């Protein structure tokens, strides 16, 4: 299965009843061989002044409504947990914002 960094994909998390969108964080060269990928889940629930949530406007990455990348909840999932094709891909600038928020969340 071909999975690329910056794609928005539906994932199934063990503790949740339904699939949710997430942005792929794993480098392309690694996801080509790995059975697992690292993602940041998305939410449509805003949290005011929360520096580890990155806003994604409607339309970007194929999303229908405003969403936030939950960079404080980065997780690894099996590629087998992905549902269907990618919705789309985030811009390079948005991915830089997400990278910065992940670094902040992990104190890197």
C-alpha atoms as a PDB file:
ATOM      1  CA  UNK A   1       0.000   0.000   0.000  1.00  0.00           C
ATOM      2  CA  UNK A   2       1.399   3.368  -1.015  1.00  0.00           C
ATOM      3  CA  UNK A   3       1.124   5.966   1.772  1.00  0.00           C
ATOM      4  CA  UNK A   4       2.706   9.413   1.449  1.00  0.00           C
ATOM      5  CA  UNK A   5       3.680  12.045   3.995  1.00  0.00           C
ATOM      6  CA  UNK A   6       1.152  14.868   4.221  1.00  0.00           C
ATOM      7  CA  UNK A   7      -1.795  12.790   3.022  1.00  0.00           C
ATOM      8  CA  UNK A   8      -5.089  12.879   4.877  1.00  0.00           C
ATOM      9  CA  UNK A   9      -6.251   9.286   5.425  1.00  0.00           C
ATOM     10  CA  UNK A  10      -9.030   7.651   7.417  1.00  0.00           C
ATOM     11  CA  UNK A  11      -7.638   5.584  10.276  1.00  0.00           C
ATOM     12  CA  UNK A  12      -9.167   3.301  12.847  1.00  0.00           C
ATOM     13  CA  UNK A  13      -7.837   3.822  16.369  1.00  0.00           C
ATOM     14  CA  UNK A  14      -8.243   1.003  18.908  1.00  0.00           C
ATOM     15  CA  UNK A  15     -10.076   3.175  21.454  1.00  0.00           C
ATOM     16  CA  UNK A  16     -12.559   4.737  19.025  1.00  0.00           C
ATOM     17  CA  UNK A  17     -15.713   3.337  17.477  1.00  0.00           C
ATOM     18  CA  UNK A  18     -15.429   4.949  14.060  1.00  0.00           C
ATOM     19  CA  UNK A  19     -12.617   5.863  11.670  1.00  0.00           C
ATOM     20  CA  UNK A  20     -11.287   9.424  11.796  1.00  0.00           C
ATOM     21  CA  UNK A  21      -9.107  11.440   9.441  1.00  0.00           C
ATOM     22  CA  UNK A  22      -5.425  11.815  10.229  1.00  0.00           C
ATOM     23  CA  UNK A  23      -2.399  13.365   8.556  1.00  0.00           C
ATOM     24  CA  UNK A  24       0.481  11.021   7.700  1.00  0.00           C
ATOM     25  CA  UNK A  25       3.772  12.093   9.316  1.00  0.00           C
ATOM     26  CA  UNK A  26       6.015   9.158   8.341  1.00  0.00           C
ATOM     27  CA  UNK A  27       8.688   9.867   5.725  1.00  0.00           C
ATOM     28  CA  UNK A  28       7.917   8.463   2.284  1.00  0.00           C
ATOM     29  CA  UNK A  29      11.067   6.310   2.173  1.00  0.00           C
ATOM     30  CA  UNK A  30      10.111   4.619   5.447  1.00  0.00           C
ATOM     31  CA  UNK A  31       6.407   4.141   4.757  1.00  0.00           C
ATOM     32  CA  UNK A  32       7.319   2.357   1.539  1.00  0.00           C
ATOM     33  CA  UNK A  33       8.709  -0.558   3.598  1.00  0.00           C
ATOM     34  CA  UNK A  34       7.106  -0.263   7.034  1.00  0.00           C
ATOM     35  CA  UNK A  35       3.926  -2.015   8.120  1.00  0.00           C
ATOM     36  CA  UNK A  36       3.097   0.885  10.466  1.00  0.00           C
ATOM     37  CA  UNK A  37       2.903   4.639   9.932  1.00  0.00           C
ATOM     38  CA  UNK A  38       2.903   7.609  12.291  1.00  0.00           C
ATOM     39  CA  UNK A  39      -0.041  10.000  12.101  1.00  0.00           C
ATOM     40  CA  UNK A  40      -1.568  13.005  13.816  1.00  0.00           C
ATOM     41  CA  UNK A  41      -5.343  12.502  14.229  1.00  0.00           C
ATOM     42  CA  UNK A  42      -7.659  15.317  13.168  1.00  0.00           C
ATOM     43  CA  UNK A  43     -10.617  16.793  14.998  1.00  0.00           C
ATOM     44  CA  UNK A  44     -13.334  19.255  14.064  1.00  0.00           C
ATOM     45  CA  UNK A  45     -13.567  20.499  17.675  1.00  0.00           C
ATOM     46  CA  UNK A  46     -11.699  23.769  18.275  1.00  0.00           C
ATOM     47  CA  UNK A  47      -9.629  24.345  21.409  1.00  0.00           C
ATOM     48  CA  UNK A  48      -8.829  27.972  22.070  1.00  0.00           C
ATOM     49  CA  UNK A  49      -5.178  28.899  22.585  1.00  0.00           C
ATOM     50  CA  UNK A  50      -3.892  25.341  22.313  1.00  0.00           C
ATOM     51  CA  UNK A  51      -0.459  25.600  20.652  1.00  0.00           C
ATOM     52  CA  UNK A  52      -0.183  21.946  19.639  1.00  0.00           C
ATOM     53  CA  UNK A  53      -3.305  22.001  17.463  1.00  0.00           C
ATOM     54  CA  UNK A  54      -2.830  23.167  13.878  1.00  0.00           C
ATOM     55  CA  UNK A  55      -5.842  24.561  12.054  1.00  0.00           C
ATOM     56  CA  UNK A  56      -6.583  23.189   8.590  1.00  0.00           C
ATOM     57  CA  UNK A  57      -9.112  25.205   6.566  1.00  0.00           C
ATOM     58  CA  UNK A  58     -11.948  23.554   4.636  1.00  0.00           C
ATOM     59  CA  UNK A  59     -10.834  22.332   1.211  1.00  0.00           C
ATOM     60  CA  UNK A  60      -7.180  21.795   2.112  1.00  0.00           C
ATOM     61  CA  UNK A  61      -6.201  18.148   1.995  1.00  0.00           C
ATOM     62  CA  UNK A  62      -9.664  17.288   0.712  1.00  0.00           C
ATOM     63  CA  UNK A  63     -11.336  18.105   4.034  1.00  0.00           C
ATOM     64  CA  UNK A  64     -14.936  19.335   3.946  1.00  0.00           C
ATOM     65  CA  UNK A  65     -14.848  21.346   7.156  1.00  0.00           C
ATOM     66  CA  UNK A  66     -12.375  23.214   9.302  1.00  0.00           C
ATOM     67  CA  UNK A  67     -10.259  20.754  11.262  1.00  0.00           C
ATOM     68  CA  UNK A  68      -7.287  20.711  13.617  1.00  0.00           C
ATOM     69  CA  UNK A  69      -4.313  18.347  13.579  1.00  0.00           C
ATOM     70  CA  UNK A  70      -3.898  17.006  17.119  1.00  0.00           C
ATOM     71  CA  UNK A  71      -0.096  17.227  17.233  1.00  0.00           C
ATOM     72  CA  UNK A  72      -0.146  16.407  20.945  1.00  0.00           C
ATOM     73  CA  UNK A  73      -1.677  12.988  20.149  1.00  0.00           C
ATOM     74  CA  UNK A  74       0.728  11.610  17.550  1.00  0.00           C
ATOM     75  CA  UNK A  75       0.340   7.851  17.266  1.00  0.00           C
ATOM     76  CA  UNK A  76       1.485   4.887  15.203  1.00  0.00           C
ATOM     77  CA  UNK A  77      -1.051   2.721  13.379  1.00  0.00           C
ATOM     78  CA  UNK A  78      -0.861  -0.309  11.143  1.00  0.00           C
ATOM     79  CA  UNK A  79      -1.206   0.435   7.455  1.00  0.00           C
ATOM     80  CA  UNK A  80      -3.932  -2.206   7.523  1.00  0.00           C
ATOM     81  CA  UNK A  81      -6.014   0.172   9.682  1.00  0.00           C
ATOM     82  CA  UNK A  82      -6.237   2.702   6.839  1.00  0.00           C
ATOM     83  CA  UNK A  83      -9.620   2.915   5.137  1.00  0.00           C
ATOM     84  CA  UNK A  84      -9.773   3.726   1.430  1.00  0.00           C
ATOM     85  CA  UNK A  85      -7.732   6.221  -0.563  1.00  0.00           C
ATOM     86  CA  UNK A  86      -6.292   9.524   0.625  1.00  0.00           C
ATOM     87  CA  UNK A  87      -8.685  12.505   0.716  1.00  0.00           C
ATOM     88  CA  UNK A  88      -5.866  14.739  -0.435  1.00  0.00           C
ATOM     89  CA  UNK A  89      -2.574  16.231   0.707  1.00  0.00           C
ATOM     90  CA  UNK A  90      -1.661  19.150   2.949  1.00  0.00           C
ATOM     91  CA  UNK A  91       0.474  22.023   1.691  1.00  0.00           C
ATOM     92  CA  UNK A  92       4.176  22.227   2.483  1.00  0.00           C
ATOM     93  CA  UNK A  93       3.543  25.267   4.687  1.00  0.00           C
ATOM     94  CA  UNK A  94       0.836  23.451   6.676  1.00  0.00           C
ATOM     95  CA  UNK A  95       3.145  20.463   7.151  1.00  0.00           C
ATOM     96  CA  UNK A  96       5.819  22.824   8.525  1.00  0.00           C
ATOM     97  CA  UNK A  97       3.267  24.126  11.059  1.00  0.00           C
ATOM     98  CA  UNK A  98       2.433  20.551  12.048  1.00  0.00           C
ATOM     99  CA  UNK A  99       6.124  19.646  12.379  1.00  0.00           C
ATOM    100  CA  UNK A 100       6.667  22.642  14.681  1.00  0.00           C
ATOM    101  CA  UNK A 101       3.646  21.708  16.806  1.00  0.00           C
ATOM    102  CA  UNK A 102       4.846  18.090  17.113  1.00  0.00           C
ATOM    103  CA  UNK A 103       8.276  19.323  18.214  1.00  0.00           C
ATOM    104  CA  UNK A 104       6.590  21.545  20.818  1.00  0.00           C
ATOM    105  CA  UNK A 105       4.392  18.695  22.081  1.00  0.00           C
ATOM    106  CA  UNK A 106       7.371  16.342  22.401  1.00  0.00           C
ATOM    107  CA  UNK A 107       9.748  19.031  23.716  1.00  0.00           C
ATOM    108  CA  UNK A 108      12.225  18.372  20.874  1.00  0.00           C
END
